[in-house]
Amino acid sequence: MWVNGGDAADLRGLGEGINSEAFAVKEYTGYVIGAITMPGPSFRFLKELIDKEIIPLFVEGAARESEKF
């Protein structure tokens, strides 16, 4: 698992062949109130794909959800 500025990635922690990515959803004071997470098969969840495509989408989605609180 690695944590990087509000997101966490887990390689095979849910089982062999499963990777996941998660982002914190925060309320107005910065307190974490939830998370958005996405598991997927490791052959599709490659680090390059996570860095270039999944993280930007999660950052946008988590920020949008955080604005509601």
PDB file of N, CA and C in Angstrom:
ATOM      1  N   MET A   1       0.851  -1.176   0.000  1.00  0.00           N
ATOM      2  CA  MET A   1       0.000   0.000   0.000  1.00  0.00           C
ATOM      3  C   MET A   1       0.890   1.230   0.000  1.00  0.00           C
ATOM      4  N   TRP A   2       0.472   2.268  -0.720  1.00  0.00           N
ATOM      5  CA  TRP A   2       1.161   3.545  -0.620  1.00  0.00           C
ATOM      6  C   TRP A   2       0.127   4.645  -0.475  1.00  0.00           C
ATOM      7  N   VAL A   3       0.473   5.688   0.257  1.00  0.00           N
ATOM      8  CA  VAL A   3      -0.403   6.832   0.481  1.00  0.00           C
ATOM      9  C   VAL A   3       0.313   8.050  -0.075  1.00  0.00           C
ATOM     10  N   ASN A   4      -0.442   8.876  -0.816  1.00  0.00           N
ATOM     11  CA  ASN A   4       0.180  10.006  -1.494  1.00  0.00           C
ATOM     12  C   ASN A   4      -0.780  11.185  -1.505  1.00  0.00           C
ATOM     13  N   GLY A   5      -0.650  12.096  -0.563  1.00  0.00           N
ATOM     14  CA  GLY A   5      -1.409  13.341  -0.588  1.00  0.00           C
ATOM     15  C   GLY A   5      -2.917  13.182  -0.643  1.00  0.00           C
ATOM     16  N   GLY A   6      -3.496  12.304   0.151  1.00  0.00           N
ATOM     17  CA  GLY A   6      -4.945  12.156   0.177  1.00  0.00           C
ATOM     18  C   GLY A   6      -5.460  10.934  -0.537  1.00  0.00           C
ATOM     19  N   ASP A   7      -4.603  10.243  -1.246  1.00  0.00           N
ATOM     20  CA  ASP A   7      -5.057   8.999  -1.869  1.00  0.00           C
ATOM     21  C   ASP A   7      -4.236   7.842  -1.334  1.00  0.00           C
ATOM     22  N   ALA A   8      -4.797   6.663  -1.450  1.00  0.00           N
ATOM     23  CA  ALA A   8      -4.092   5.450  -1.035  1.00  0.00           C
ATOM     24  C   ALA A   8      -4.284   4.402  -2.111  1.00  0.00           C
ATOM     25  N   ALA A   9      -3.234   3.697  -2.413  1.00  0.00           N
ATOM     26  CA  ALA A   9      -3.299   2.600  -3.379  1.00  0.00           C
ATOM     27  C   ALA A   9      -2.903   1.322  -2.658  1.00  0.00           C
ATOM     28  N   ASP A  10      -3.596   0.252  -2.995  1.00  0.00           N
ATOM     29  CA  ASP A  10      -3.326  -1.035  -2.377  1.00  0.00           C
ATOM     30  C   ASP A  10      -3.132  -2.060  -3.481  1.00  0.00           C
ATOM     31  N   LEU A  11      -1.987  -2.704  -3.480  1.00  0.00           N
ATOM     32  CA  LEU A  11      -1.681  -3.711  -4.483  1.00  0.00           C
ATOM     33  C   LEU A  11      -1.825  -5.098  -3.873  1.00  0.00           C
ATOM     34  N   ARG A  12      -2.814  -5.825  -4.316  1.00  0.00           N
ATOM     35  CA  ARG A  12      -3.097  -7.201  -3.897  1.00  0.00           C
ATOM     36  C   ARG A  12      -3.511  -7.326  -2.440  1.00  0.00           C
ATOM     37  N   GLY A  13      -3.884  -6.239  -1.765  1.00  0.00           N
ATOM     38  CA  GLY A  13      -4.306  -6.315  -0.369  1.00  0.00           C
ATOM     39  C   GLY A  13      -5.677  -6.945  -0.193  1.00  0.00           C
ATOM     40  N   LEU A  14      -6.516  -6.849  -1.198  1.00  0.00           N
ATOM     41  CA  LEU A  14      -7.845  -7.459  -1.136  1.00  0.00           C
ATOM     42  C   LEU A  14      -7.833  -8.894  -1.618  1.00  0.00           C
ATOM     43  N   GLY A  15      -6.714  -9.333  -2.142  1.00  0.00           N
ATOM     44  CA  GLY A  15      -6.583 -10.690  -2.654  1.00  0.00           C
ATOM     45  C   GLY A  15      -5.670 -10.702  -3.858  1.00  0.00           C
ATOM     46  N   GLU A  16      -5.199 -11.870  -4.192  1.00  0.00           N
ATOM     47  CA  GLU A  16      -4.307 -12.011  -5.335  1.00  0.00           C
ATOM     48  C   GLU A  16      -5.023 -11.537  -6.603  1.00  0.00           C
ATOM     49  N   GLY A  17      -4.363 -10.642  -7.335  1.00  0.00           N
ATOM     50  CA  GLY A  17      -4.923 -10.159  -8.587  1.00  0.00           C
ATOM     51  C   GLY A  17      -5.867  -8.981  -8.460  1.00  0.00           C
ATOM     52  N   ILE A  18      -5.977  -8.404  -7.247  1.00  0.00           N
ATOM     53  CA  ILE A  18      -6.885  -7.264  -7.047  1.00  0.00           C
ATOM     54  C   ILE A  18      -6.089  -6.080  -6.499  1.00  0.00           C
ATOM     55  N   ASN A  19      -6.161  -4.956  -7.183  1.00  0.00           N
ATOM     56  CA  ASN A  19      -5.581  -3.697  -6.726  1.00  0.00           C
ATOM     57  C   ASN A  19      -6.720  -2.720  -6.466  1.00  0.00           C
ATOM     58  N   SER A  20      -6.471  -1.704  -5.654  1.00  0.00           N
ATOM     59  CA  SER A  20      -7.509  -0.705  -5.397  1.00  0.00           C
ATOM     60  C   SER A  20      -6.889   0.663  -5.167  1.00  0.00           C
ATOM     61  N   GLU A  21      -7.704   1.684  -5.346  1.00  0.00           N
ATOM     62  CA  GLU A  21      -7.313   3.079  -5.154  1.00  0.00           C
ATOM     63  C   GLU A  21      -8.428   3.736  -4.345  1.00  0.00           C
ATOM     64  N   ALA A  22      -8.069   4.622  -3.412  1.00  0.00           N
ATOM     65  CA  ALA A  22      -9.064   5.300  -2.586  1.00  0.00           C
ATOM     66  C   ALA A  22      -8.658   6.747  -2.350  1.00  0.00           C
ATOM     67  N   PHE A  23      -9.658   7.604  -2.225  1.00  0.00           N
ATOM     68  CA  PHE A  23      -9.451   9.024  -1.940  1.00  0.00           C
ATOM     69  C   PHE A  23     -10.376   9.463  -0.825  1.00  0.00           C
ATOM     70  N   ALA A  24      -9.866  10.336   0.034  1.00  0.00           N
ATOM     71  CA  ALA A  24     -10.638  10.844   1.158  1.00  0.00           C
ATOM     72  C   ALA A  24     -11.646  11.898   0.705  1.00  0.00           C
ATOM     73  N   VAL A  25     -12.815  11.865   1.340  1.00  0.00           N
ATOM     74  CA  VAL A  25     -13.820  12.926   1.196  1.00  0.00           C
ATOM     75  C   VAL A  25     -13.826  13.656   2.536  1.00  0.00           C
ATOM     76  N   LYS A  26     -13.640  14.975   2.492  1.00  0.00           N
ATOM     77  CA  LYS A  26     -13.503  15.765   3.713  1.00  0.00           C
ATOM     78  C   LYS A  26     -14.631  16.790   3.824  1.00  0.00           C
ATOM     79  N   GLU A  27     -14.929  17.166   5.057  1.00  0.00           N
ATOM     80  CA  GLU A  27     -15.872  18.254   5.269  1.00  0.00           C
ATOM     81  C   GLU A  27     -15.123  19.572   5.352  1.00  0.00           C
ATOM     82  N   TYR A  28     -15.817  20.653   5.562  1.00  0.00           N
ATOM     83  CA  TYR A  28     -15.225  21.985   5.407  1.00  0.00           C
ATOM     84  C   TYR A  28     -14.017  22.268   6.292  1.00  0.00           C
ATOM     85  N   THR A  29     -13.875  21.586   7.427  1.00  0.00           N
ATOM     86  CA  THR A  29     -12.716  21.815   8.293  1.00  0.00           C
ATOM     87  C   THR A  29     -11.537  20.920   7.940  1.00  0.00           C
ATOM     88  N   GLY A  30     -11.730  20.038   6.974  1.00  0.00           N
ATOM     89  CA  GLY A  30     -10.673  19.130   6.571  1.00  0.00           C
ATOM     90  C   GLY A  30     -10.766  17.755   7.206  1.00  0.00           C
ATOM     91  N   TYR A  31     -11.774  17.544   8.053  1.00  0.00           N
ATOM     92  CA  TYR A  31     -11.968  16.256   8.711  1.00  0.00           C
ATOM     93  C   TYR A  31     -12.470  15.231   7.679  1.00  0.00           C
ATOM     94  N   VAL A  32     -11.855  14.063   7.663  1.00  0.00           N
ATOM     95  CA  VAL A  32     -12.253  13.018   6.720  1.00  0.00           C
ATOM     96  C   VAL A  32     -13.566  12.403   7.181  1.00  0.00           C
ATOM     97  N   ILE A  33     -14.568  12.409   6.287  1.00  0.00           N
ATOM     98  CA  ILE A  33     -15.873  11.866   6.624  1.00  0.00           C
ATOM     99  C   ILE A  33     -16.241  10.648   5.777  1.00  0.00           C
ATOM    100  N   GLY A  34     -15.412  10.320   4.827  1.00  0.00           N
ATOM    101  CA  GLY A  34     -15.688   9.162   3.987  1.00  0.00           C
ATOM    102  C   GLY A  34     -14.591   8.974   2.965  1.00  0.00           C
ATOM    103  N   ALA A  35     -14.845   8.071   2.051  1.00  0.00           N
ATOM    104  CA  ALA A  35     -13.856   7.799   1.009  1.00  0.00           C
ATOM    105  C   ALA A  35     -14.552   7.323  -0.255  1.00  0.00           C
ATOM    106  N   ILE A  36     -13.903   7.559  -1.367  1.00  0.00           N
ATOM    107  CA  ILE A  36     -14.315   7.005  -2.651  1.00  0.00           C
ATOM    108  C   ILE A  36     -13.251   5.957  -2.979  1.00  0.00           C
ATOM    109  N   THR A  37     -13.683   4.764  -3.286  1.00  0.00           N
ATOM    110  CA  THR A  37     -12.724   3.704  -3.560  1.00  0.00           C
ATOM    111  C   THR A  37     -13.106   2.925  -4.809  1.00  0.00           C
ATOM    112  N   MET A  38     -12.106   2.358  -5.445  1.00  0.00           N
ATOM    113  CA  MET A  38     -12.345   1.579  -6.656  1.00  0.00           C
ATOM    114  C   MET A  38     -11.390   0.390  -6.684  1.00  0.00           C
ATOM    115  N   PRO A  39     -11.911  -0.827  -6.533  1.00  0.00           N
ATOM    116  CA  PRO A  39     -11.063  -2.004  -6.724  1.00  0.00           C
ATOM    117  C   PRO A  39     -11.110  -2.445  -8.183  1.00  0.00           C
ATOM    118  N   GLY A  40     -10.112  -3.158  -8.602  1.00  0.00           N
ATOM    119  CA  GLY A  40     -10.096  -3.665  -9.967  1.00  0.00           C
ATOM    120  C   GLY A  40      -9.045  -4.745 -10.137  1.00  0.00           C
ATOM    121  N   PRO A  41      -9.128  -5.478 -11.223  1.00  0.00           N
ATOM    122  CA  PRO A  41      -8.138  -6.525 -11.472  1.00  0.00           C
ATOM    123  C   PRO A  41      -6.760  -5.915 -11.719  1.00  0.00           C
ATOM    124  N   SER A  42      -5.749  -6.549 -11.161  1.00  0.00           N
ATOM    125  CA  SER A  42      -4.397  -5.993 -11.240  1.00  0.00           C
ATOM    126  C   SER A  42      -3.884  -5.860 -12.665  1.00  0.00           C
ATOM    127  N   PHE A  43      -4.365  -6.684 -13.587  1.00  0.00           N
ATOM    128  CA  PHE A  43      -3.885  -6.556 -14.963  1.00  0.00           C
ATOM    129  C   PHE A  43      -4.419  -5.288 -15.630  1.00  0.00           C
ATOM    130  N   ARG A  44      -5.460  -4.672 -15.066  1.00  0.00           N
ATOM    131  CA  ARG A  44      -5.954  -3.391 -15.573  1.00  0.00           C
ATOM    132  C   ARG A  44      -5.509  -2.223 -14.715  1.00  0.00           C
ATOM    133  N   PHE A  45      -5.305  -2.443 -13.439  1.00  0.00           N
ATOM    134  CA  PHE A  45      -4.915  -1.391 -12.500  1.00  0.00           C
ATOM    135  C   PHE A  45      -3.400  -1.307 -12.408  1.00  0.00           C
ATOM    136  N   LEU A  46      -2.785  -0.923 -13.468  1.00  0.00           N
ATOM    137  CA  LEU A  46      -1.336  -0.762 -13.500  1.00  0.00           C
ATOM    138  C   LEU A  46      -0.971   0.612 -12.958  1.00  0.00           C
ATOM    139  N   LYS A  47       0.208   0.748 -12.356  1.00  0.00           N
ATOM    140  CA  LYS A  47       0.612   2.019 -11.751  1.00  0.00           C
ATOM    141  C   LYS A  47       0.536   3.170 -12.747  1.00  0.00           C
ATOM    142  N   GLU A  48       0.930   2.945 -13.970  1.00  0.00           N
ATOM    143  CA  GLU A  48       0.875   4.009 -14.985  1.00  0.00           C
ATOM    144  C   GLU A  48      -0.571   4.463 -15.226  1.00  0.00           C
ATOM    145  N   LEU A  49      -1.500   3.534 -15.316  1.00  0.00           N
ATOM    146  CA  LEU A  49      -2.912   3.873 -15.507  1.00  0.00           C
ATOM    147  C   LEU A  49      -3.444   4.609 -14.284  1.00  0.00           C
ATOM    148  N   ILE A  50      -3.088   4.129 -13.095  1.00  0.00           N
ATOM    149  CA  ILE A  50      -3.538   4.788 -11.866  1.00  0.00           C
ATOM    150  C   ILE A  50      -3.031   6.224 -11.830  1.00  0.00           C
ATOM    151  N   ASP A  51      -1.753   6.426 -12.106  1.00  0.00           N
ATOM    152  CA  ASP A  51      -1.156   7.767 -12.044  1.00  0.00           C
ATOM    153  C   ASP A  51      -1.717   8.717 -13.094  1.00  0.00           C
ATOM    154  N   LYS A  52      -1.915   8.248 -14.308  1.00  0.00           N
ATOM    155  CA  LYS A  52      -2.299   9.131 -15.409  1.00  0.00           C
ATOM    156  C   LYS A  52      -3.799   9.316 -15.581  1.00  0.00           C
ATOM    157  N   GLU A  53      -4.603   8.317 -15.233  1.00  0.00           N
ATOM    158  CA  GLU A  53      -6.038   8.405 -15.507  1.00  0.00           C
ATOM    159  C   GLU A  53      -6.910   8.336 -14.259  1.00  0.00           C
ATOM    160  N   ILE A  54      -6.643   7.377 -13.397  1.00  0.00           N
ATOM    161  CA  ILE A  54      -7.532   7.171 -12.255  1.00  0.00           C
ATOM    162  C   ILE A  54      -7.370   8.255 -11.201  1.00  0.00           C
ATOM    163  N   ILE A  55      -6.137   8.596 -10.833  1.00  0.00           N
ATOM    164  CA  ILE A  55      -5.926   9.622  -9.801  1.00  0.00           C
ATOM    165  C   ILE A  55      -6.562  10.961 -10.182  1.00  0.00           C
ATOM    166  N   PRO A  56      -6.357  11.479 -11.409  1.00  0.00           N
ATOM    167  CA  PRO A  56      -7.014  12.751 -11.738  1.00  0.00           C
ATOM    168  C   PRO A  56      -8.540  12.698 -11.616  1.00  0.00           C
ATOM    169  N   LEU A  57      -9.151  11.585 -12.008  1.00  0.00           N
ATOM    170  CA  LEU A  57     -10.600  11.450 -11.881  1.00  0.00           C
ATOM    171  C   LEU A  57     -11.035  11.399 -10.424  1.00  0.00           C
ATOM    172  N   PHE A  58     -10.288  10.690  -9.600  1.00  0.00           N
ATOM    173  CA  PHE A  58     -10.603  10.611  -8.185  1.00  0.00           C
ATOM    174  C   PHE A  58     -10.418  11.954  -7.494  1.00  0.00           C
ATOM    175  N   VAL A  59      -9.365  12.675  -7.823  1.00  0.00           N
ATOM    176  CA  VAL A  59      -9.139  13.993  -7.221  1.00  0.00           C
ATOM    177  C   VAL A  59     -10.329  14.902  -7.510  1.00  0.00           C
ATOM    178  N   GLU A  60     -10.775  14.907  -8.748  1.00  0.00           N
ATOM    179  CA  GLU A  60     -11.927  15.726  -9.135  1.00  0.00           C
ATOM    180  C   GLU A  60     -13.193  15.285  -8.404  1.00  0.00           C
ATOM    181  N   GLY A  61     -13.442  13.990  -8.372  1.00  0.00           N
ATOM    182  CA  GLY A  61     -14.649  13.482  -7.713  1.00  0.00           C
ATOM    183  C   GLY A  61     -14.647  13.709  -6.216  1.00  0.00           C
ATOM    184  N   ALA A  62     -13.523  13.467  -5.560  1.00  0.00           N
ATOM    185  CA  ALA A  62     -13.439  13.675  -4.115  1.00  0.00           C
ATOM    186  C   ALA A  62     -13.596  15.150  -3.776  1.00  0.00           C
ATOM    187  N   ALA A  63     -13.010  16.032  -4.580  1.00  0.00           N
ATOM    188  CA  ALA A  63     -13.153  17.479  -4.346  1.00  0.00           C
ATOM    189  C   ALA A  63     -14.613  17.909  -4.517  1.00  0.00           C
ATOM    190  N   ARG A  64     -15.254  17.383  -5.527  1.00  0.00           N
ATOM    191  CA  ARG A  64     -16.664  17.725  -5.776  1.00  0.00           C
ATOM    192  C   ARG A  64     -17.541  17.260  -4.613  1.00  0.00           C
ATOM    193  N   GLU A  65     -17.295  16.042  -4.119  1.00  0.00           N
ATOM    194  CA  GLU A  65     -18.073  15.538  -2.978  1.00  0.00           C
ATOM    195  C   GLU A  65     -17.756  16.327  -1.709  1.00  0.00           C
ATOM    196  N   SER A  66     -16.492  16.685  -1.511  1.00  0.00           N
ATOM    197  CA  SER A  66     -16.102  17.439  -0.325  1.00  0.00           C
ATOM    198  C   SER A  66     -16.782  18.798  -0.282  1.00  0.00           C
ATOM    199  N   GLU A  67     -16.987  19.409  -1.449  1.00  0.00           N
ATOM    200  CA  GLU A  67     -17.650  20.719  -1.500  1.00  0.00           C
ATOM    201  C   GLU A  67     -19.062  20.667  -0.956  1.00  0.00           C
ATOM    202  N   LYS A  68     -19.710  19.530  -0.991  1.00  0.00           N
ATOM    203  CA  LYS A  68     -21.074  19.393  -0.500  1.00  0.00           C
ATOM    204  C   LYS A  68     -21.141  19.469   1.026  1.00  0.00           C
ATOM    205  N   PHE A  69     -20.003  19.268   1.676  1.00  0.00           N
ATOM    206  CA  PHE A  69     -19.973  19.247   3.139  1.00  0.00           C
ATOM    207  C   PHE A  69     -19.279  20.483   3.663  1.00  0.00           C
TER     208      PHE A  69
END
